Protein backbone atom coordinates (compact mmCIF):
# COMPACT_ATOMS: atom_id res chain seq x y z
CA MET A 1 1.15 17.35 -113.21
CA SER A 2 -0.59 20.59 -114.10
CA ALA A 3 -0.89 23.54 -111.77
CA SER A 4 -4.66 23.12 -111.58
CA SER A 5 -4.33 19.50 -110.45
CA VAL A 6 -1.84 20.46 -107.77
CA ASN A 7 -4.11 23.14 -106.32
CA ARG A 8 -7.34 21.15 -106.26
CA ARG A 9 -8.23 19.60 -102.92
CA ARG A 10 -7.55 15.89 -102.50
CA ILE A 11 -8.62 13.86 -99.48
CA LEU A 12 -7.46 10.36 -98.59
CA SER A 13 -9.85 8.47 -96.31
CA LEU A 14 -8.67 5.60 -94.13
CA TRP A 15 -11.01 3.16 -92.44
CA LEU A 16 -9.91 0.45 -90.02
CA PRO A 17 -13.08 -1.66 -89.65
CA ARG A 18 -11.49 -4.19 -87.28
CA LEU A 19 -9.40 -1.82 -85.19
CA PRO A 20 -10.53 -3.13 -81.74
CA ILE A 21 -9.88 -6.77 -82.57
CA ASP A 22 -6.68 -5.96 -84.50
CA ARG A 23 -5.35 -4.08 -81.47
CA ILE A 24 -5.94 -7.11 -79.23
CA GLN A 25 -4.36 -9.48 -81.73
CA ARG A 26 -1.29 -7.23 -82.02
CA PHE A 27 -0.95 -7.38 -78.25
CA PHE A 28 -1.01 -11.19 -78.33
CA ASN A 29 1.58 -11.23 -81.11
CA SER A 30 3.90 -8.87 -79.23
CA ALA A 31 3.56 -11.09 -76.12
CA GLY A 32 4.49 -14.16 -78.17
CA LEU A 33 1.09 -15.80 -77.71
CA GLY A 34 0.42 -16.11 -81.44
CA LYS A 35 -2.86 -15.85 -83.32
CA ALA A 36 -5.96 -17.53 -81.90
CA ASN A 37 -7.55 -20.19 -84.10
CA ASP A 38 -11.07 -19.66 -82.79
CA PRO A 39 -13.23 -16.82 -84.17
CA SER A 40 -12.86 -13.70 -82.01
CA ILE A 41 -15.12 -10.79 -81.28
CA VAL A 42 -15.13 -7.65 -79.13
CA VAL A 43 -18.34 -6.88 -77.25
CA ILE A 44 -19.66 -3.66 -75.77
CA LYS A 45 -22.65 -2.91 -73.55
CA ASN A 46 -25.60 -1.36 -75.36
CA ASN A 47 -29.02 -0.91 -73.71
CA ASN A 48 -28.02 -3.29 -70.88
CA ALA A 49 -27.09 -6.01 -73.36
CA LEU A 50 -23.73 -7.14 -74.72
CA VAL A 51 -23.52 -6.76 -78.49
CA ILE A 52 -20.71 -7.27 -81.00
CA HIS A 53 -18.52 -4.18 -81.34
CA ALA A 54 -15.88 -5.66 -83.68
CA LEU A 55 -15.10 -9.07 -85.12
CA ASP A 56 -12.31 -10.77 -87.03
CA GLU A 57 -12.52 -12.33 -90.46
CA ALA A 58 -13.21 -15.84 -89.12
CA ALA A 59 -16.21 -14.61 -87.15
CA GLU A 60 -17.49 -12.66 -90.13
CA ARG A 61 -17.39 -15.79 -92.31
CA LEU A 62 -19.73 -17.46 -89.81
CA GLY A 63 -22.33 -14.80 -90.51
CA LEU A 64 -21.82 -12.77 -87.34
CA TYR A 65 -22.21 -9.01 -87.63
CA ILE A 66 -21.63 -5.81 -85.65
CA GLY A 67 -24.56 -5.05 -83.33
CA GLN A 68 -25.57 -8.69 -82.97
CA PRO A 69 -26.36 -9.76 -79.37
CA LEU A 70 -23.66 -11.89 -77.77
CA ALA A 71 -26.18 -14.61 -76.84
CA ASN A 72 -27.15 -15.04 -80.50
CA ALA A 73 -23.51 -15.12 -81.54
CA ARG A 74 -22.70 -17.84 -79.02
CA ALA A 75 -25.60 -19.88 -80.33
CA VAL A 76 -23.99 -19.79 -83.77
CA CYS A 77 -20.46 -20.46 -82.49
CA PRO A 78 -20.07 -21.84 -78.94
CA ASP A 79 -16.25 -21.69 -79.22
CA LEU A 80 -16.28 -17.96 -79.84
CA LYS A 81 -13.48 -15.99 -78.12
CA VAL A 82 -14.94 -12.87 -76.52
CA PHE A 83 -13.07 -9.73 -75.42
CA ASP A 84 -14.41 -6.65 -73.67
CA ALA A 85 -14.24 -3.38 -75.57
CA ASP A 86 -11.72 -0.77 -74.46
CA VAL A 87 -12.72 2.46 -76.16
CA VAL A 88 -9.85 4.42 -74.58
CA ALA A 89 -7.23 1.95 -75.83
CA ASP A 90 -8.81 1.97 -79.28
CA ALA A 91 -8.66 5.77 -79.40
CA LYS A 92 -5.00 5.66 -78.32
CA THR A 93 -4.22 3.18 -81.10
CA LEU A 94 -5.98 5.36 -83.68
CA SER A 95 -4.02 8.37 -82.41
CA ASP A 96 -0.76 6.43 -82.82
CA ILE A 97 -1.71 5.55 -86.39
CA ALA A 98 -2.51 9.23 -87.01
CA ASP A 99 0.97 10.14 -85.73
CA TRP A 100 2.47 7.64 -88.17
CA CYS A 101 0.39 9.14 -91.00
CA ASP A 102 2.10 12.48 -90.37
CA ARG A 103 4.92 11.16 -92.57
CA PHE A 104 2.62 11.67 -95.58
CA THR A 105 0.99 14.98 -94.66
CA PRO A 106 0.76 17.13 -91.50
CA LEU A 107 -2.98 17.59 -92.11
CA VAL A 108 -4.45 14.47 -90.48
CA ALA A 109 -7.94 14.50 -88.93
CA PHE A 110 -9.95 11.92 -87.02
CA ASP A 111 -13.01 10.31 -88.61
CA ALA A 112 -14.66 8.68 -85.60
CA PRO A 113 -14.79 6.00 -84.55
CA HIS A 114 -12.15 4.09 -86.55
CA GLY A 115 -11.17 6.32 -89.45
CA LEU A 116 -8.82 9.10 -90.53
CA PHE A 117 -8.80 11.84 -93.15
CA LEU A 118 -5.52 12.89 -94.79
CA ASP A 119 -5.41 16.10 -96.81
CA ILE A 120 -2.84 15.13 -99.47
CA THR A 121 -3.35 18.19 -101.65
CA GLY A 122 -0.11 18.98 -103.44
CA CYS A 123 2.01 16.31 -101.73
CA ALA A 124 1.10 13.06 -103.54
CA HIS A 125 3.86 13.61 -106.12
CA LEU A 126 6.45 13.24 -103.35
CA PHE A 127 5.44 9.56 -103.09
CA GLY A 128 5.14 8.78 -106.79
CA GLY A 129 1.54 9.89 -107.26
CA GLU A 130 -1.77 9.20 -105.57
CA ALA A 131 -1.90 5.52 -106.52
CA ALA A 132 1.61 4.87 -105.17
CA LEU A 133 0.87 6.80 -101.97
CA LEU A 134 -2.35 4.84 -101.40
CA GLN A 135 -0.61 1.53 -102.01
CA THR A 136 2.32 2.43 -99.73
CA LEU A 137 0.04 3.43 -96.89
CA VAL A 138 -2.23 0.38 -97.12
CA ARG A 139 0.66 -2.07 -97.36
CA ALA A 140 2.44 -0.52 -94.38
CA LEU A 141 -0.66 -0.70 -92.17
CA ASP A 142 -1.30 -4.25 -93.32
CA ARG A 143 2.22 -5.23 -92.25
CA GLN A 144 1.50 -3.69 -88.86
CA GLY A 145 -1.48 -6.04 -88.48
CA PHE A 146 -4.42 -3.79 -89.34
CA ALA A 147 -7.23 -4.46 -91.77
CA VAL A 148 -7.55 -1.21 -93.70
CA SER A 149 -9.69 0.30 -96.43
CA ALA A 150 -8.66 3.47 -98.25
CA ALA A 151 -9.83 5.72 -101.07
CA ILE A 152 -9.03 9.14 -102.54
CA ALA A 153 -11.50 11.75 -103.78
CA GLY A 154 -11.99 15.49 -103.99
CA THR A 155 -14.20 15.63 -100.87
CA SER A 156 -13.98 13.92 -97.51
CA VAL A 157 -17.58 12.62 -97.65
CA CYS A 158 -17.05 11.00 -101.05
CA ALA A 159 -13.73 9.47 -99.99
CA ARG A 160 -15.30 8.13 -96.81
CA THR A 161 -18.18 6.59 -98.76
CA LEU A 162 -15.74 4.86 -101.11
CA THR A 163 -13.79 3.30 -98.24
CA ARG A 164 -16.98 1.52 -97.14
CA GLN A 165 -17.98 0.38 -100.64
CA ALA A 166 -15.03 0.34 -103.06
CA THR A 167 -11.70 0.33 -101.27
CA GLY A 168 -8.71 1.37 -103.34
CA SER A 169 -10.73 3.76 -105.49
CA ILE A 170 -9.15 6.98 -106.73
CA VAL A 171 -11.74 9.41 -108.08
CA ALA A 172 -10.64 12.18 -110.40
CA ASP A 173 -11.67 15.72 -109.64
CA GLY A 174 -15.30 16.18 -110.74
CA GLY A 175 -16.04 12.46 -110.90
CA GLU A 176 -17.46 12.06 -107.40
CA ALA A 177 -21.13 11.82 -108.43
CA ALA A 178 -20.52 9.10 -111.03
CA ALA A 179 -18.28 7.13 -108.65
CA ILE A 180 -20.89 6.70 -105.91
CA ASP A 181 -24.25 6.81 -107.68
CA ARG A 182 -24.70 2.99 -107.60
CA PHE A 183 -24.02 2.64 -103.87
CA PRO A 184 -26.87 2.19 -101.34
CA VAL A 185 -28.01 5.26 -99.46
CA SER A 186 -26.74 3.74 -96.20
CA ALA A 187 -23.19 4.29 -97.51
CA LEU A 188 -23.56 8.03 -96.89
CA GLY A 189 -23.47 7.45 -93.12
CA ALA A 190 -26.65 9.40 -92.42
CA ASP A 191 -28.95 8.68 -89.47
CA GLU A 192 -30.79 5.39 -89.61
CA THR A 193 -34.12 7.25 -89.56
CA ILE A 194 -33.22 9.15 -92.74
CA THR A 195 -31.89 6.01 -94.44
CA THR A 196 -35.12 4.14 -93.67
CA GLY A 197 -37.21 7.06 -94.91
CA LEU A 198 -35.28 7.17 -98.21
CA ARG A 199 -35.84 3.46 -98.78
CA ARG A 200 -39.56 3.76 -98.08
CA ALA A 201 -39.71 6.56 -100.62
CA GLY A 202 -38.17 4.23 -103.21
CA LEU A 203 -34.76 5.93 -103.16
CA LYS A 204 -32.45 2.98 -102.68
CA THR A 205 -29.20 4.26 -104.19
CA ILE A 206 -27.30 7.50 -103.95
CA GLY A 207 -28.00 8.07 -107.63
CA ASP A 208 -31.73 7.83 -106.95
CA VAL A 209 -31.47 10.49 -104.27
CA ALA A 210 -29.25 12.71 -106.44
CA SER A 211 -31.82 12.62 -109.23
CA ARG A 212 -34.30 14.51 -107.06
CA SER A 213 -34.14 18.27 -106.65
CA ALA A 214 -32.19 19.68 -103.72
CA SER A 215 -35.24 21.59 -102.45
CA GLU A 216 -37.30 18.39 -102.37
CA ILE A 217 -34.62 16.52 -100.41
CA THR A 218 -34.18 19.43 -97.99
CA ALA A 219 -37.90 19.76 -97.35
CA ARG A 220 -38.30 16.04 -96.67
CA PHE A 221 -35.07 15.10 -94.87
CA GLY A 222 -33.55 18.37 -93.62
CA ALA A 223 -30.77 20.72 -94.62
CA ARG A 224 -28.07 18.68 -92.88
CA PHE A 225 -28.69 15.61 -95.04
CA SER A 226 -28.98 17.77 -98.14
CA THR A 227 -25.56 19.26 -97.41
CA LEU A 228 -24.10 15.80 -96.76
CA LEU A 229 -25.40 14.59 -100.12
CA ALA A 230 -23.99 17.64 -101.93
CA HIS A 231 -20.56 17.05 -100.43
CA ALA A 232 -20.67 13.38 -101.38
CA LEU A 233 -21.43 14.40 -104.98
CA GLY A 234 -18.47 16.77 -105.06
CA GLN A 235 -20.52 19.96 -104.78
CA GLY A 236 -18.41 21.71 -102.17
CA ASP A 237 -17.01 20.22 -98.99
CA ALA A 238 -16.56 21.10 -95.36
CA PRO A 239 -12.90 21.42 -94.37
CA ILE A 240 -11.43 18.67 -92.22
CA SER A 241 -10.23 19.55 -88.71
CA PRO A 242 -6.60 18.48 -88.33
CA ARG A 243 -5.83 17.21 -84.86
CA LYS A 244 -2.64 19.31 -84.75
CA PRO A 245 -2.13 22.88 -85.94
CA LEU A 246 0.07 23.16 -89.01
CA PRO A 247 3.65 24.19 -88.02
CA ASP A 248 5.07 27.39 -89.46
CA TYR A 249 8.11 25.61 -90.92
CA ILE A 250 8.82 21.93 -91.59
CA VAL A 251 11.98 20.19 -92.80
CA GLU A 252 12.50 16.45 -92.94
CA LYS A 253 14.94 13.76 -94.04
CA ARG A 254 13.95 10.33 -95.35
CA PHE A 255 16.30 7.37 -95.41
CA ALA A 256 16.41 4.45 -97.79
CA GLU A 257 18.29 2.56 -95.05
CA PRO A 258 17.00 3.25 -91.52
CA ILE A 259 19.36 4.90 -89.04
CA ALA A 260 19.74 3.80 -85.43
CA THR A 261 22.94 5.26 -83.97
CA ASP A 262 23.12 8.36 -81.78
CA THR A 263 25.75 9.84 -84.08
CA MET A 264 23.56 9.61 -87.17
CA ILE A 265 20.57 10.99 -85.28
CA ALA A 266 22.62 13.96 -84.06
CA MET A 267 24.04 14.60 -87.54
CA THR A 268 20.57 14.47 -89.07
CA LEU A 269 19.13 16.92 -86.53
CA SER A 270 22.09 19.25 -87.12
CA ARG A 271 21.55 19.29 -90.89
CA LEU A 272 17.84 19.79 -90.49
CA ALA A 273 18.48 22.66 -88.09
CA ASP A 274 20.69 24.36 -90.70
CA THR A 275 17.95 24.03 -93.30
CA LEU A 276 15.25 25.24 -90.91
CA ILE A 277 17.26 28.29 -89.84
CA ALA A 278 17.97 29.16 -93.47
CA SER A 279 14.24 29.02 -94.29
CA MET A 280 13.28 31.21 -91.34
CA GLU A 281 16.11 33.66 -91.94
CA LYS A 282 14.71 34.55 -95.36
CA GLN A 283 11.62 35.94 -93.63
CA GLY A 284 13.43 37.41 -90.65
CA LYS A 285 11.98 34.97 -88.11
CA GLY A 286 13.26 32.88 -85.24
CA ALA A 287 11.85 29.75 -83.57
CA ARG A 288 10.26 29.76 -80.12
CA ARG A 289 8.91 26.20 -80.10
CA LEU A 290 10.60 23.32 -81.93
CA GLU A 291 9.62 19.68 -82.32
CA ALA A 292 11.70 16.77 -83.58
CA ALA A 293 9.71 13.71 -84.71
CA PHE A 294 11.37 10.32 -85.23
CA PHE A 295 9.46 7.81 -87.38
CA ARG A 296 10.39 4.17 -86.80
CA THR A 297 10.07 1.50 -89.46
CA ASP A 298 7.52 -0.42 -87.34
CA GLY A 299 5.12 2.55 -87.21
CA VAL A 300 6.09 3.95 -83.79
CA VAL A 301 6.59 7.73 -83.71
CA ARG A 302 8.50 9.57 -80.99
CA ALA A 303 8.26 13.36 -80.71
CA ILE A 304 10.58 15.60 -78.65
CA MET A 305 9.72 19.26 -78.04
CA VAL A 306 11.79 22.18 -76.76
CA GLU A 307 10.85 25.80 -76.14
CA THR A 308 12.98 28.92 -75.98
CA GLY A 309 12.63 32.21 -74.20
CA ARG A 310 13.77 34.20 -77.23
CA PRO A 311 13.56 33.50 -80.97
CA VAL A 312 16.36 31.15 -82.00
CA THR A 313 18.28 32.13 -85.12
CA ARG A 314 21.29 29.80 -84.87
CA SER A 315 21.38 26.08 -85.62
CA ALA A 316 24.02 25.53 -82.93
CA VAL A 317 21.50 26.59 -80.28
CA ILE A 318 18.93 24.11 -81.64
CA ASP A 319 21.56 21.35 -81.56
CA ARG A 320 22.44 22.08 -77.95
CA LEU A 321 18.84 22.25 -76.78
CA PHE A 322 17.88 18.93 -78.35
CA ARG A 323 21.07 17.33 -77.04
CA GLU A 324 20.12 18.44 -73.53
CA ARG A 325 16.55 17.20 -74.03
CA LEU A 326 17.61 13.79 -75.37
CA ASP A 327 20.14 13.29 -72.57
CA ALA A 328 17.48 14.03 -69.94
CA LEU A 329 14.78 11.69 -71.28
CA ALA A 330 13.46 9.33 -68.62
CA ASP A 331 12.38 7.03 -71.46
CA PRO A 332 15.38 6.94 -73.83
CA LEU A 333 14.85 7.26 -77.57
CA ASP A 334 14.55 3.65 -78.72
CA PRO A 335 15.32 3.32 -82.46
CA GLY A 336 14.04 -0.27 -82.64
CA PHE A 337 14.85 -1.44 -86.17
CA GLY A 338 15.77 2.13 -87.07
CA PHE A 339 14.24 5.47 -88.07
CA ASP A 340 13.37 5.88 -91.72
CA MET A 341 12.38 9.54 -91.37
CA VAL A 342 13.28 12.44 -89.07
CA ARG A 343 11.32 15.69 -89.11
CA LEU A 344 12.13 19.02 -87.50
CA SER A 345 9.40 21.64 -87.31
CA ALA A 346 8.97 25.10 -85.85
CA SER A 347 5.43 25.29 -84.51
CA ARG A 348 5.86 28.79 -83.08
CA THR A 349 7.96 31.53 -84.64
CA GLU A 350 8.41 35.26 -84.08
CA VAL A 351 9.89 38.12 -86.01
CA VAL A 352 13.47 38.70 -84.85
CA VAL A 353 14.09 42.18 -83.45
CA GLN A 354 17.64 43.30 -84.19
CA GLU A 355 19.53 44.71 -81.20
CA GLN A 356 22.98 46.23 -80.75
CA ARG A 357 24.84 43.37 -79.09
CA ASP A 358 28.49 44.23 -79.52
CA LEU A 359 28.62 47.30 -77.27
CA ASP A 360 25.65 46.76 -74.93
CA ALA A 361 26.81 44.50 -72.08
CA HIS A 362 23.28 44.41 -70.64
CA VAL A 363 21.88 42.85 -73.81
CA HIS A 364 24.73 40.33 -73.86
CA ASP A 365 24.02 39.32 -70.24
CA ASN A 366 20.33 38.92 -71.01
CA ASP A 367 21.17 36.62 -73.93
CA GLU A 368 23.36 34.43 -71.72
CA LEU A 369 20.71 34.25 -69.01
CA ALA A 370 17.99 33.36 -71.54
CA ALA A 371 20.22 30.66 -73.04
CA LEU A 372 20.92 29.19 -69.59
CA ILE A 373 17.19 29.10 -68.78
CA ASP A 374 16.49 27.35 -72.11
CA ARG A 375 19.09 24.67 -71.39
CA ILE A 376 17.79 24.02 -67.88
CA ALA A 377 14.20 23.94 -69.14
CA ALA A 378 15.18 21.43 -71.83
CA ARG A 379 16.46 19.11 -69.11
CA ILE A 380 13.87 19.43 -66.36
CA GLY A 381 10.88 21.02 -68.11
CA GLY A 382 9.88 24.62 -68.71
CA LYS A 383 7.28 24.68 -65.92
CA ARG A 384 9.94 23.97 -63.32
CA VAL A 385 12.05 27.03 -64.15
CA VAL A 386 10.11 30.03 -62.86
CA VAL A 387 10.46 33.70 -62.11
CA HIS A 388 8.42 35.60 -59.54
CA LEU A 389 6.31 38.57 -60.53
CA PRO A 390 4.68 41.07 -58.15
CA GLU A 391 0.88 41.15 -58.09
CA ASP A 392 -1.21 44.18 -57.28
CA THR A 393 -2.78 42.79 -54.12
CA HIS A 394 -2.23 43.07 -50.38
CA VAL A 395 -3.13 39.42 -49.66
CA PRO A 396 0.27 37.90 -48.75
CA GLU A 397 -0.06 34.50 -50.49
CA GLN A 398 -1.31 36.18 -53.67
CA ALA A 399 1.23 38.99 -53.82
CA VAL A 400 3.72 36.93 -55.87
CA LEU A 401 3.01 34.98 -59.06
CA ALA A 402 5.33 32.16 -60.14
CA ALA A 403 5.48 32.15 -63.96
CA PRO A 404 7.59 30.16 -66.48
CA ALA A 405 10.90 31.94 -66.86
CA GLN A 406 11.12 31.31 -70.60
CA HIS A 407 8.03 33.38 -71.31
CA HIS A 408 8.26 36.04 -68.58
CA LEU A 409 11.98 36.77 -68.21
CA ALA A 410 11.78 40.27 -69.71
CA VAL A 411 8.80 41.19 -67.52
CA ALA A 412 10.55 39.84 -64.41
CA MET A 413 13.67 41.90 -65.10
CA GLU A 414 11.61 45.09 -65.30
CA ALA A 415 9.30 44.28 -62.37
CA GLN A 416 9.08 46.85 -59.56
CA TRP A 417 9.10 45.39 -56.04
CA PRO A 418 8.26 47.34 -52.87
CA ALA A 419 11.38 49.07 -51.61
CA ARG A 420 12.63 48.27 -48.11
CA ALA A 421 13.15 51.14 -45.70
CA GLU A 422 16.81 51.68 -44.80
CA GLY A 423 17.70 50.64 -41.28
CA GLU A 424 14.32 49.04 -40.67
CA PRO A 425 13.63 45.31 -40.22
CA PRO A 426 11.77 43.62 -43.10
CA LEU A 427 7.98 43.75 -42.95
CA ARG A 428 7.60 40.40 -44.69
CA PRO A 429 9.37 37.10 -43.87
CA LEU A 430 12.00 35.64 -46.16
CA ARG A 431 10.21 32.30 -46.07
CA LEU A 432 6.47 32.34 -46.68
CA PHE A 433 4.62 29.02 -46.32
CA ASP A 434 2.46 27.81 -49.20
CA LYS A 435 -0.33 27.31 -46.71
CA PRO A 436 -0.47 28.93 -43.26
CA GLU A 437 0.11 26.34 -40.54
CA PRO A 438 -2.17 26.31 -37.48
CA VAL A 439 -0.80 27.16 -34.02
CA THR A 440 -2.34 26.77 -30.58
CA VAL A 441 -2.71 29.96 -28.55
CA PRO A 442 -3.95 29.43 -24.95
CA PHE A 443 -4.79 33.09 -24.41
CA ALA A 444 -3.92 36.58 -25.63
CA THR A 445 -3.35 39.83 -23.76
CA VAL A 446 -6.70 41.20 -24.98
CA PRO A 447 -9.16 39.67 -27.45
CA ASP A 448 -7.49 41.51 -30.36
CA GLY A 449 -3.94 41.49 -28.95
CA PRO A 450 -0.88 39.25 -29.52
CA PRO A 451 -0.39 35.92 -27.71
CA HIS A 452 1.91 35.40 -24.69
CA GLN A 453 2.88 31.97 -25.98
CA PHE A 454 1.89 29.54 -28.70
CA THR A 455 2.49 25.94 -29.72
CA TRP A 456 3.64 25.16 -33.26
CA ARG A 457 4.63 21.70 -34.51
CA ARG A 458 4.32 20.36 -30.93
CA ALA A 459 6.89 22.88 -29.61
CA LYS A 460 6.01 25.71 -27.21
CA HIS A 461 7.32 29.19 -27.87
CA ALA A 462 7.33 31.94 -25.26
CA VAL A 463 6.80 35.38 -26.81
CA VAL A 464 9.29 38.06 -25.71
CA ARG A 465 8.91 40.74 -28.40
CA VAL A 466 5.97 41.73 -30.61
CA GLU A 467 5.44 44.15 -33.49
CA GLY A 468 1.99 44.79 -34.85
CA PRO A 469 -0.78 44.27 -35.50
CA GLU A 470 -0.96 44.79 -39.27
CA ARG A 471 -4.56 44.35 -40.28
CA ILE A 472 -5.25 42.87 -43.74
CA ALA A 473 -8.81 42.52 -44.97
CA MET A 474 -9.49 39.99 -47.68
CA GLU A 475 -10.57 41.19 -51.12
CA TRP A 476 -14.35 41.19 -50.91
CA TRP A 477 -14.82 40.92 -54.70
CA ARG A 478 -12.96 37.56 -54.79
CA GLN A 479 -13.62 35.74 -51.54
CA ASP A 480 -17.45 35.64 -51.45
CA GLY A 481 -17.45 36.43 -47.75
CA LYS A 482 -15.71 33.17 -46.82
CA GLN A 483 -12.37 34.63 -45.78
CA LEU A 484 -11.86 36.60 -42.59
CA THR A 485 -9.94 39.68 -41.64
CA ARG A 486 -6.38 38.94 -40.50
CA ASP A 487 -4.27 40.65 -37.83
CA TYR A 488 -0.56 39.90 -38.45
CA PHE A 489 2.15 40.11 -35.74
CA ARG A 490 5.95 39.92 -36.04
CA ILE A 491 6.90 37.86 -32.99
CA GLU A 492 10.25 36.86 -31.47
CA ASP A 493 10.43 34.00 -28.96
CA ALA A 494 12.86 33.37 -26.09
CA GLU A 495 15.20 31.42 -28.43
CA GLY A 496 15.54 34.34 -30.84
CA LEU A 497 13.34 32.80 -33.55
CA ARG A 498 11.13 35.28 -35.39
CA PHE A 499 7.69 34.34 -36.71
CA TRP A 500 5.00 35.97 -38.77
CA ILE A 501 1.67 34.85 -37.27
CA PHE A 502 -1.88 36.07 -37.68
CA ARG A 503 -5.25 35.80 -36.04
CA ASP A 504 -7.89 34.69 -38.57
CA GLY A 505 -10.99 36.78 -37.91
CA LEU A 506 -12.11 39.53 -35.57
CA TYR A 507 -13.18 38.35 -32.11
CA GLU A 508 -16.56 40.03 -31.87
CA GLY A 509 -17.27 40.78 -35.52
CA GLU A 510 -16.57 37.70 -37.65
CA VAL A 511 -16.12 34.53 -35.55
CA PHE A 512 -19.13 33.07 -33.76
CA ASP A 513 -20.04 29.69 -32.29
CA ALA A 514 -23.11 27.58 -33.10
CA ASP A 515 -25.21 29.66 -30.68
CA GLY A 516 -24.25 32.93 -32.36
CA LYS A 517 -21.97 34.05 -29.51
CA PRO A 518 -18.46 35.42 -30.11
CA ALA A 519 -15.87 32.62 -30.30
CA PRO A 520 -12.09 32.73 -30.09
CA PRO A 521 -10.58 32.90 -33.61
CA ASN A 522 -7.88 30.56 -34.92
CA TRP A 523 -4.20 31.44 -35.12
CA TYR A 524 -1.71 30.56 -37.86
CA VAL A 525 1.98 30.96 -38.60
CA HIS A 526 2.48 32.19 -42.15
CA GLY A 527 6.23 32.58 -42.42
CA LEU A 528 9.65 32.78 -40.77
CA PHE A 529 12.07 35.67 -40.65
CA ALA A 530 15.81 35.13 -40.90
C-alpha cells in the first residue's frame, strides 16, 4: 500500500435499519423466548397517531413500510405483533455497538438515528485490507443479531449514501461521483422539501443534479444542500465528530484464543503497561488518566478507568492501581466466553518534571502520600477522597472548599490557614454542620443579645457562659438580598457543652412580619466545640 493511499481519508459507514426491532428480538432470545413467527413492528407516536418506526423482514415482505399508520398496517396483517418504541434503549444499544467498534478504530462517531461513522484511515491494513475489515465487521454484527448495511468511501456523505443503496460497496479515492450518480436524489438524505423540488425540476438522480452548475443549485436549493452534494461527490468533506476524544497513547493485545482467567488478564495488563510506559518515556511524559478496555467475543465491552495525582512513569504503579480497581468493582469483570482483545490507553498525560528524590525526604513523603491517595481513590472513587482548601470569604459554610485530593494535593499542602492565637480558645468550632440546625429561643436578654436558654433537638440547654457577638454580614454581591446578617455567639450550657449559635437577621432592620412590624428573628446552631 502506497504512502498516498495510507494518508487519504477513508470513512466506513454503518447503518442498522432494523435496530429497534433487532434490539427487542435479542432481548427475547436472551430470555429464552425464541423468535416470534408473526411479523413484528415497532410503533412511535407522530402527530397524535401511531406509525411504524421499525419493522422486521417478515413485515417488510407484506408491503409494510416505515411511517405507515398502525391502523393501515393492521388492516393488511391482523396478526401483527406491535411493540412500543423506546428511543432511549435504542440509543443505548447503538452506543454499545459503537463501543464494540472501538476495536477497529478509536474514531467512531454517531450517525443518527441508527448509524455510525468509522474513520479507518491508515488502519485497514491491520485487518487485511478494507474489504476484509468490512466483511469482518458485518459478519460479527450479523452474528449478534443485527441487520447491517456498510460501505467505505473517501467522504462520510458518500459512504452513508452507499449504505442506503449499495451495501458492501468500497469506493476508491476519487470515484465517489461515479459510484452514486445513478442513485435517486432521496439517497442524499436531504430535506423532503428539497427532494420534492428536485424531482419537480426533472432532476431525479444524483447524476442529474451533479450535471448542473453549483451556482444554479445553490441559488435554487440553498448553500447547505449544495455543500451536501459536493461532499457526496467527493469534493471535500466535513470531519466526523468522534464521540470520545482520541487518547494520547494506545496499546492493545489481540488474542486468537479468547482469555478468561484473572491470571491471564493481569499478565496482559502488565505487559501492556510496560509497552505504554516505554512509549511515553520516549517523550518524557507520564500518565494521569488510564483506561483499560476489555472486548468480549459476544460484543460486550467493559471499560475500567483510574486516575492519578501525579504522572505515572512506572508500570508497577499501573498494575497496582488496576488491581485495586478490579478488586473493588461492585459488578465484577465477567469474561463471558472470553476476551479477544484488551486495550490500555492513556487519555491524559503530562510532561514529567524531574526532582531530586534521593536526598529530599519531603519529596519522598509527598510521593508516598500521592500513591496512597491514588490507591484509595482506585477503590472507592476519586471524588470521595478530598482535601480542604481555604476560601477567601468570611461566610462560615463557604470558608472551606472540599476538592478531589488527586488533583489538589499540592495546593492543599501549601495552603495558608488562619493562625490560632496562643492561649486563646478557638474562634470556630471543630465540627461545623453542613446546614445550620434551627433552635428555639424563648427570649433573649435584649433584642440583639444572647439567649438565656434554648431548645435543640428536643433538649433544653441553660446558658451559663457567653462570648460574642461576632457579626457576619452576607456577601451582597452573591446573595441577592435574600440572606440576613448573622450575630454569632460561643455559648456554654450547664452541662459543659459548647455551641456556636447565631441569630439570623437584625431585630429592627431586617426581619419584619406581614404587617411590616419588627419580628423576632430565628436562631440556629451552626457547630459544636470540643
